Amino acid sequence: MSSEDSSRPADAPASTPADTWDEPLKLTDPKAMRALAHPVRMELLDLIGVAGTLTATQASELIGESPANCAFHLRTLAKYGFVTEAGGGRGRERPWTRTRRTISISSTQQDNPQSAVAASALGSVYFERWVERARRVFGSHDRLPGWERATQMSRSAVFMTAEETVEVGREIQAIIDRYRGRERDVSQRPADGMPVEVSFFISPLTEFSGVKSTGESQDIS
């Protein structure tokens, strides 16, 4: 799985290599995964992805944590390569930016059991975070004015092969990628635009895998 991904802001520092920005940061260190699983650090990564750069003081005002606590969590994120200093400022006024657009988490592609367990746990934390955010939005009758019809969800069940399912995921991602330039270049953002989260889940309905087209149960043991 991949975490929430954020395109490089227009004012990202030159110290973030352009040739690695689009390469997913593949997590294999269980310590890094456990560090990222902290809710404040996840929140900080979200904010930096939207703002481009963020200081501990600015983060404090946005999430209600103390500047000292935000500074600590930002340094921890930097220790494991999730963020880096954007240049300028001192102490809690130093701006930070993300090092990569995407963080890749896979529990099935790890070299040791500890990493696999940590990846699975982190993936679960991200999943619950996405679901809870969706629950808040769709569980409320309040809608942002002008965005009532734009806030939507849907579910489809279709018959596909594994290869076709992979291709559908790629096609959906390609549609989203059309708008990435707006995140990298703030000047491209429409005046009435705002961050929009797009989450989709694609998986086989395994509970029906033993059912024939006639409706009879099939012995797959």
C-alpha atoms as a PDB file:
ATOM      1  CA  MET A   1       0.000   0.000   0.000  1.00  0.00           C
ATOM      2  CA  SER A   2       1.030   3.611  -0.264  1.00  0.00           C
ATOM      3  CA  SER A   3       0.434   6.282   2.229  1.00  0.00           C
ATOM      4  CA  GLU A   4      -1.228   9.594   1.573  1.00  0.00           C
ATOM      5  CA  ASP A   5       1.096  11.114  -1.049  1.00  0.00           C
ATOM      6  CA  SER A   6       1.947  14.753  -1.480  1.00  0.00           C
ATOM      7  CA  SER A   7       3.475  16.437  -4.487  1.00  0.00           C
ATOM      8  CA  ARG A   8       6.560  18.553  -4.115  1.00  0.00           C
ATOM      9  CA  PRO A   9       5.756  22.210  -3.383  1.00  0.00           C
ATOM     10  CA  ALA A  10       7.019  24.973  -5.621  1.00  0.00           C
ATOM     11  CA  ASP A  11       9.284  26.289  -2.883  1.00  0.00           C
ATOM     12  CA  ALA A  12      10.838  22.932  -1.977  1.00  0.00           C
ATOM     13  CA  PRO A  13      14.595  23.252  -1.443  1.00  0.00           C
ATOM     14  CA  ALA A  14      17.149  22.309  -4.034  1.00  0.00           C
ATOM     15  CA  SER A  15      18.525  19.814  -1.524  1.00  0.00           C
ATOM     16  CA  THR A  16      15.623  17.514  -2.393  1.00  0.00           C
ATOM     17  CA  PRO A  17      16.962  15.738  -5.514  1.00  0.00           C
ATOM     18  CA  ALA A  18      14.546  15.995  -8.418  1.00  0.00           C
ATOM     19  CA  ASP A  19      15.522  12.521  -9.608  1.00  0.00           C
ATOM     20  CA  THR A  20      14.396  10.909  -6.336  1.00  0.00           C
ATOM     21  CA  TRP A  21      11.353  13.023  -5.488  1.00  0.00           C
ATOM     22  CA  ASP A  22       8.986  10.887  -7.557  1.00  0.00           C
ATOM     23  CA  GLU A  23      10.499   7.621  -6.318  1.00  0.00           C
ATOM     24  CA  PRO A  24       8.450   6.164  -3.441  1.00  0.00           C
ATOM     25  CA  LEU A  25      10.229   6.049  -0.113  1.00  0.00           C
ATOM     26  CA  LYS A  26      10.051   2.298   0.523  1.00  0.00           C
ATOM     27  CA  LEU A  27      10.025   1.573   4.225  1.00  0.00           C
ATOM     28  CA  THR A  28      12.046  -1.420   5.415  1.00  0.00           C
ATOM     29  CA  ASP A  29      13.301  -0.212   8.808  1.00  0.00           C
ATOM     30  CA  PRO A  30      10.873  -1.285  11.566  1.00  0.00           C
ATOM     31  CA  LYS A  31      12.076   1.610  13.753  1.00  0.00           C
ATOM     32  CA  ALA A  32      11.165   4.110  11.041  1.00  0.00           C
ATOM     33  CA  MET A  33       7.744   2.512  10.629  1.00  0.00           C
ATOM     34  CA  ARG A  34       7.059   2.627  14.342  1.00  0.00           C
ATOM     35  CA  ALA A  35       8.201   6.244  14.446  1.00  0.00           C
ATOM     36  CA  LEU A  36       5.856   7.215  11.636  1.00  0.00           C
ATOM     37  CA  ALA A  37       2.882   5.493  13.284  1.00  0.00           C
ATOM     38  CA  HIS A  38       2.604   8.322  15.841  1.00  0.00           C
ATOM     39  CA  PRO A  39      -0.589  10.347  15.163  1.00  0.00           C
ATOM     40  CA  VAL A  40       1.097  13.744  15.581  1.00  0.00           C
ATOM     41  CA  ARG A  41       3.791  12.830  13.060  1.00  0.00           C
ATOM     42  CA  MET A  42       1.202  11.627  10.570  1.00  0.00           C
ATOM     43  CA  GLU A  43      -0.656  14.905  11.038  1.00  0.00           C
ATOM     44  CA  LEU A  44       2.530  16.901  10.489  1.00  0.00           C
ATOM     45  CA  LEU A  45       3.287  15.041   7.242  1.00  0.00           C
ATOM     46  CA  ASP A  46      -0.247  15.778   6.046  1.00  0.00           C
ATOM     47  CA  LEU A  47       0.134  19.471   6.828  1.00  0.00           C
ATOM     48  CA  ILE A  48       3.532  19.774   5.189  1.00  0.00           C
ATOM     49  CA  GLY A  49       2.150  18.078   2.093  1.00  0.00           C
ATOM     50  CA  VAL A  50      -0.470  20.805   1.788  1.00  0.00           C
ATOM     51  CA  ALA A  51       1.537  23.825   2.926  1.00  0.00           C
ATOM     52  CA  GLY A  52       4.796  22.895   1.199  1.00  0.00           C
ATOM     53  CA  THR A  53       6.899  23.994   4.156  1.00  0.00           C
ATOM     54  CA  LEU A  54       6.035  24.296   7.815  1.00  0.00           C
ATOM     55  CA  THR A  55       7.779  25.452  10.981  1.00  0.00           C
ATOM     56  CA  ALA A  56       7.208  24.039  14.441  1.00  0.00           C
ATOM     57  CA  THR A  57       5.523  27.276  15.458  1.00  0.00           C
ATOM     58  CA  GLN A  58       3.157  27.191  12.479  1.00  0.00           C
ATOM     59  CA  ALA A  59       2.374  23.536  13.090  1.00  0.00           C
ATOM     60  CA  SER A  60       1.622  24.295  16.725  1.00  0.00           C
ATOM     61  CA  GLU A  61      -1.032  26.819  15.734  1.00  0.00           C
ATOM     62  CA  LEU A  62      -2.660  24.360  13.335  1.00  0.00           C
ATOM     63  CA  ILE A  63      -2.805  21.182  15.396  1.00  0.00           C
ATOM     64  CA  GLY A  64      -2.937  22.539  18.939  1.00  0.00           C
ATOM     65  CA  GLU A  65       0.318  20.981  20.125  1.00  0.00           C
ATOM     66  CA  SER A  66       3.075  23.003  21.767  1.00  0.00           C
ATOM     67  CA  PRO A  67       5.875  24.364  19.530  1.00  0.00           C
ATOM     68  CA  ALA A  68       8.370  22.270  21.514  1.00  0.00           C
ATOM     69  CA  ASN A  69       6.387  19.095  20.911  1.00  0.00           C
ATOM     70  CA  CYS A  70       6.015  19.857  17.203  1.00  0.00           C
ATOM     71  CA  ALA A  71       9.738  20.558  16.949  1.00  0.00           C
ATOM     72  CA  PHE A  72      10.506  17.212  18.579  1.00  0.00           C
ATOM     73  CA  HIS A  73       8.242  15.297  16.195  1.00  0.00           C
ATOM     74  CA  LEU A  74       9.627  17.135  13.159  1.00  0.00           C
ATOM     75  CA  ARG A  75      13.170  16.234  14.188  1.00  0.00           C
ATOM     76  CA  THR A  76      12.082  12.615  14.606  1.00  0.00           C
ATOM     77  CA  LEU A  77      10.559  12.620  11.108  1.00  0.00           C
ATOM     78  CA  ALA A  78      13.812  14.078   9.790  1.00  0.00           C
ATOM     79  CA  LYS A  79      15.853  11.405  11.609  1.00  0.00           C
ATOM     80  CA  TYR A  80      14.132   8.705   9.574  1.00  0.00           C
ATOM     81  CA  GLY A  81      14.183  10.596   6.279  1.00  0.00           C
ATOM     82  CA  PHE A  82      10.550  11.684   6.004  1.00  0.00           C
ATOM     83  CA  VAL A  83      11.226  15.424   6.104  1.00  0.00           C
ATOM     84  CA  THR A  84      14.211  17.709   5.702  1.00  0.00           C
ATOM     85  CA  GLU A  85      15.012  21.320   6.497  1.00  0.00           C
ATOM     86  CA  ALA A  86      13.861  23.691   3.770  1.00  0.00           C
ATOM     87  CA  GLY A  87      16.473  26.314   4.625  1.00  0.00           C
ATOM     88  CA  GLY A  88      16.238  29.563   6.558  1.00  0.00           C
ATOM     89  CA  GLY A  89      15.032  30.216  10.067  1.00  0.00           C
ATOM     90  CA  ARG A  90      16.423  29.039  13.379  1.00  0.00           C
ATOM     91  CA  GLY A  91      15.164  26.848  16.180  1.00  0.00           C
ATOM     92  CA  ARG A  92      11.403  26.410  16.053  1.00  0.00           C
ATOM     93  CA  GLU A  93      11.203  28.860  13.145  1.00  0.00           C
ATOM     94  CA  ARG A  94      13.074  26.499  10.816  1.00  0.00           C
ATOM     95  CA  PRO A  95      10.834  25.427   7.913  1.00  0.00           C
ATOM     96  CA  TRP A  96      10.610  21.741   7.028  1.00  0.00           C
ATOM     97  CA  THR A  97       9.524  20.007   3.835  1.00  0.00           C
ATOM     98  CA  ARG A  98       8.853  16.421   2.772  1.00  0.00           C
ATOM     99  CA  THR A  99      11.653  14.444   1.152  1.00  0.00           C
ATOM    100  CA  ARG A 100       9.485  12.270  -1.109  1.00  0.00           C
ATOM    101  CA  ARG A 101       6.065  12.521  -2.672  1.00  0.00           C
ATOM    102  CA  THR A 102       5.010   8.992  -1.701  1.00  0.00           C
ATOM    103  CA  ILE A 103       5.738   6.594   1.123  1.00  0.00           C
ATOM    104  CA  SER A 104       5.426   2.941   0.151  1.00  0.00           C
ATOM    105  CA  ILE A 105       4.490   0.388   2.807  1.00  0.00           C
ATOM    106  CA  SER A 106       4.342  -3.332   2.042  1.00  0.00           C
ATOM    107  CA  SER A 107       4.090  -6.145   4.580  1.00  0.00           C
ATOM    108  CA  THR A 108       4.688  -8.790   1.896  1.00  0.00           C
ATOM    109  CA  GLN A 109       7.947  -7.380   0.527  1.00  0.00           C
ATOM    110  CA  GLN A 110      10.130  -7.265   3.614  1.00  0.00           C
ATOM    111  CA  ASP A 111      13.391  -9.109   4.255  1.00  0.00           C
ATOM    112  CA  ASN A 112      12.759  -9.904   7.906  1.00  0.00           C
ATOM    113  CA  PRO A 113       9.759 -10.763  10.101  1.00  0.00           C
ATOM    114  CA  GLN A 114      10.119  -7.641  12.287  1.00  0.00           C
ATOM    115  CA  SER A 115       9.824  -5.375   9.258  1.00  0.00           C
ATOM    116  CA  ALA A 116       6.829  -7.325   7.981  1.00  0.00           C
ATOM    117  CA  VAL A 117       5.048  -7.004  11.330  1.00  0.00           C
ATOM    118  CA  ALA A 118       5.856  -3.289  11.570  1.00  0.00           C
ATOM    119  CA  ALA A 119       4.690  -2.686   7.989  1.00  0.00           C
ATOM    120  CA  SER A 120       1.438  -4.493   8.643  1.00  0.00           C
ATOM    121  CA  ALA A 121       0.838  -2.466  11.804  1.00  0.00           C
ATOM    122  CA  LEU A 122       1.635   0.828  10.086  1.00  0.00           C
ATOM    123  CA  GLY A 123      -0.607  -0.076   7.164  1.00  0.00           C
ATOM    124  CA  SER A 124      -3.436  -0.725   9.614  1.00  0.00           C
ATOM    125  CA  VAL A 125      -2.861   2.636  11.294  1.00  0.00           C
ATOM    126  CA  TYR A 126      -3.038   4.426   7.956  1.00  0.00           C
ATOM    127  CA  PHE A 127      -6.158   2.494   6.955  1.00  0.00           C
ATOM    128  CA  GLU A 128      -7.937   3.367  10.190  1.00  0.00           C
ATOM    129  CA  ARG A 129      -6.868   6.987   9.776  1.00  0.00           C
ATOM    130  CA  TRP A 130      -8.382   7.149   6.283  1.00  0.00           C
ATOM    131  CA  VAL A 131     -11.570   5.404   7.369  1.00  0.00           C
ATOM    132  CA  GLU A 132     -11.998   7.673  10.392  1.00  0.00           C
ATOM    133  CA  ARG A 133     -11.532  10.770   8.244  1.00  0.00           C
ATOM    134  CA  ALA A 134     -14.113   9.479   5.765  1.00  0.00           C
ATOM    135  CA  ARG A 135     -16.446   8.621   8.635  1.00  0.00           C
ATOM    136  CA  ARG A 136     -16.263  12.203   9.921  1.00  0.00           C
ATOM    137  CA  VAL A 137     -17.040  13.632   6.502  1.00  0.00           C
ATOM    138  CA  PHE A 138     -19.815  11.285   5.438  1.00  0.00           C
ATOM    139  CA  GLY A 139     -21.258  10.968   8.935  1.00  0.00           C
ATOM    140  CA  SER A 140     -21.932  14.683   9.106  1.00  0.00           C
ATOM    141  CA  HIS A 141     -24.824  16.542   7.496  1.00  0.00           C
ATOM    142  CA  ASP A 142     -22.681  19.650   7.213  1.00  0.00           C
ATOM    143  CA  ARG A 143     -21.058  20.173   3.854  1.00  0.00           C
ATOM    144  CA  LEU A 144     -18.653  22.850   2.762  1.00  0.00           C
ATOM    145  CA  PRO A 145     -20.706  25.383   0.772  1.00  0.00           C
ATOM    146  CA  GLY A 146     -20.328  24.717  -2.934  1.00  0.00           C
ATOM    147  CA  TRP A 147     -18.876  21.247  -2.321  1.00  0.00           C
ATOM    148  CA  GLU A 148     -22.100  19.406  -1.509  1.00  0.00           C
ATOM    149  CA  ARG A 149     -22.173  17.433  -4.772  1.00  0.00           C
ATOM    150  CA  ALA A 150     -18.404  17.070  -4.889  1.00  0.00           C
ATOM    151  CA  THR A 151     -18.323  15.115  -1.642  1.00  0.00           C
ATOM    152  CA  GLN A 152     -19.214  11.613  -2.696  1.00  0.00           C
ATOM    153  CA  MET A 153     -18.511   7.924  -2.339  1.00  0.00           C
ATOM    154  CA  SER A 154     -19.418   4.873  -4.358  1.00  0.00           C
ATOM    155  CA  ARG A 155     -18.996   1.117  -4.384  1.00  0.00           C
ATOM    156  CA  SER A 156     -18.882  -1.265  -7.328  1.00  0.00           C
ATOM    157  CA  ALA A 157     -18.531  -5.022  -7.609  1.00  0.00           C
ATOM    158  CA  VAL A 158     -17.463  -6.248 -11.049  1.00  0.00           C
ATOM    159  CA  PHE A 159     -15.886  -9.418 -12.441  1.00  0.00           C
ATOM    160  CA  MET A 160     -12.217  -8.989 -13.427  1.00  0.00           C
ATOM    161  CA  THR A 161      -8.995 -10.940 -13.536  1.00  0.00           C
ATOM    162  CA  ALA A 162      -6.094 -10.057 -11.253  1.00  0.00           C
ATOM    163  CA  GLU A 163      -4.315  -8.397 -14.188  1.00  0.00           C
ATOM    164  CA  GLU A 164      -7.382  -6.342 -15.096  1.00  0.00           C
ATOM    165  CA  THR A 165      -7.739  -5.259 -11.485  1.00  0.00           C
ATOM    166  CA  VAL A 166      -4.137  -4.037 -11.464  1.00  0.00           C
ATOM    167  CA  GLU A 167      -4.796  -2.072 -14.644  1.00  0.00           C
ATOM    168  CA  VAL A 168      -7.892  -0.422 -13.162  1.00  0.00           C
ATOM    169  CA  GLY A 169      -5.782   0.795 -10.250  1.00  0.00           C
ATOM    170  CA  ARG A 170      -3.211   2.214 -12.667  1.00  0.00           C
ATOM    171  CA  GLU A 171      -5.895   3.991 -14.666  1.00  0.00           C
ATOM    172  CA  ILE A 172      -7.399   5.569 -11.565  1.00  0.00           C
ATOM    173  CA  GLN A 173      -3.958   6.716 -10.458  1.00  0.00           C
ATOM    174  CA  ALA A 174      -3.308   8.180 -13.918  1.00  0.00           C
ATOM    175  CA  ILE A 175      -6.442  10.322 -13.605  1.00  0.00           C
ATOM    176  CA  ILE A 176      -5.287  11.647 -10.236  1.00  0.00           C
ATOM    177  CA  ASP A 177      -1.807  12.319 -11.616  1.00  0.00           C
ATOM    178  CA  ARG A 178      -3.270  14.850 -14.064  1.00  0.00           C
ATOM    179  CA  TYR A 179      -3.581  17.306 -11.196  1.00  0.00           C
ATOM    180  CA  ARG A 180      -0.219  16.819  -9.524  1.00  0.00           C
ATOM    181  CA  GLY A 181       1.264  19.859 -11.220  1.00  0.00           C
ATOM    182  CA  ARG A 182      -1.026  22.028  -9.140  1.00  0.00           C
ATOM    183  CA  GLU A 183       0.526  20.694  -5.973  1.00  0.00           C
ATOM    184  CA  ARG A 184       4.089  21.201  -7.160  1.00  0.00           C
ATOM    185  CA  ASP A 185       3.435  24.674  -8.527  1.00  0.00           C
ATOM    186  CA  VAL A 186       1.267  26.790  -6.251  1.00  0.00           C
ATOM    187  CA  SER A 187       0.630  29.247  -9.089  1.00  0.00           C
ATOM    188  CA  GLN A 188      -1.322  26.521 -10.925  1.00  0.00           C
ATOM    189  CA  ARG A 189      -3.818  26.072  -8.112  1.00  0.00           C
ATOM    190  CA  PRO A 190      -7.269  27.430  -9.008  1.00  0.00           C
ATOM    191  CA  ALA A 191      -8.466  30.269  -6.816  1.00  0.00           C
ATOM    192  CA  ASP A 192     -11.442  28.238  -5.583  1.00  0.00           C
ATOM    193  CA  GLY A 193      -9.496  25.008  -5.184  1.00  0.00           C
ATOM    194  CA  MET A 194      -8.584  23.235  -1.968  1.00  0.00           C
ATOM    195  CA  PRO A 195      -6.897  19.963  -0.992  1.00  0.00           C
ATOM    196  CA  VAL A 196      -9.052  16.995  -1.984  1.00  0.00           C
ATOM    197  CA  GLU A 197      -8.416  13.514  -0.644  1.00  0.00           C
ATOM    198  CA  VAL A 198      -8.932  10.634  -3.065  1.00  0.00           C
ATOM    199  CA  SER A 199      -8.868   7.189  -1.466  1.00  0.00           C
ATOM    200  CA  PHE A 200      -9.881   3.994  -3.192  1.00  0.00           C
ATOM    201  CA  PHE A 201      -9.688   0.354  -2.213  1.00  0.00           C
ATOM    202  CA  ILE A 202      -9.515  -2.468  -4.727  1.00  0.00           C
ATOM    203  CA  SER A 203      -9.649  -6.062  -3.534  1.00  0.00           C
ATOM    204  CA  PRO A 204     -11.241  -9.391  -4.424  1.00  0.00           C
ATOM    205  CA  LEU A 205     -14.425 -10.395  -2.618  1.00  0.00           C
ATOM    206  CA  THR A 206     -12.858 -13.554  -1.237  1.00  0.00           C
ATOM    207  CA  GLU A 207     -15.951 -14.537   0.722  1.00  0.00           C
ATOM    208  CA  PHE A 208     -17.673 -15.225  -2.608  1.00  0.00           C
ATOM    209  CA  SER A 209     -14.746 -16.987  -4.287  1.00  0.00           C
ATOM    210  CA  GLY A 210     -16.339 -20.426  -3.822  1.00  0.00           C
ATOM    211  CA  VAL A 211     -19.717 -19.512  -5.312  1.00  0.00           C
ATOM    212  CA  LYS A 212     -20.503 -20.726  -8.853  1.00  0.00           C
ATOM    213  CA  SER A 213     -22.394 -18.571 -11.325  1.00  0.00           C
ATOM    214  CA  THR A 214     -25.412 -20.833 -10.718  1.00  0.00           C
ATOM    215  CA  GLY A 215     -25.406 -19.854  -7.066  1.00  0.00           C
ATOM    216  CA  GLU A 216     -24.272 -23.336  -5.938  1.00  0.00           C
ATOM    217  CA  SER A 217     -21.382 -23.660  -3.539  1.00  0.00           C
ATOM    218  CA  GLN A 218     -18.123 -24.890  -5.019  1.00  0.00           C
ATOM    219  CA  ASP A 219     -15.734 -27.118  -3.098  1.00  0.00           C
ATOM    220  CA  ILE A 220     -12.362 -25.348  -3.256  1.00  0.00           C
ATOM    221  CA  SER A 221     -10.631 -27.266  -0.473  1.00  0.00           C
END
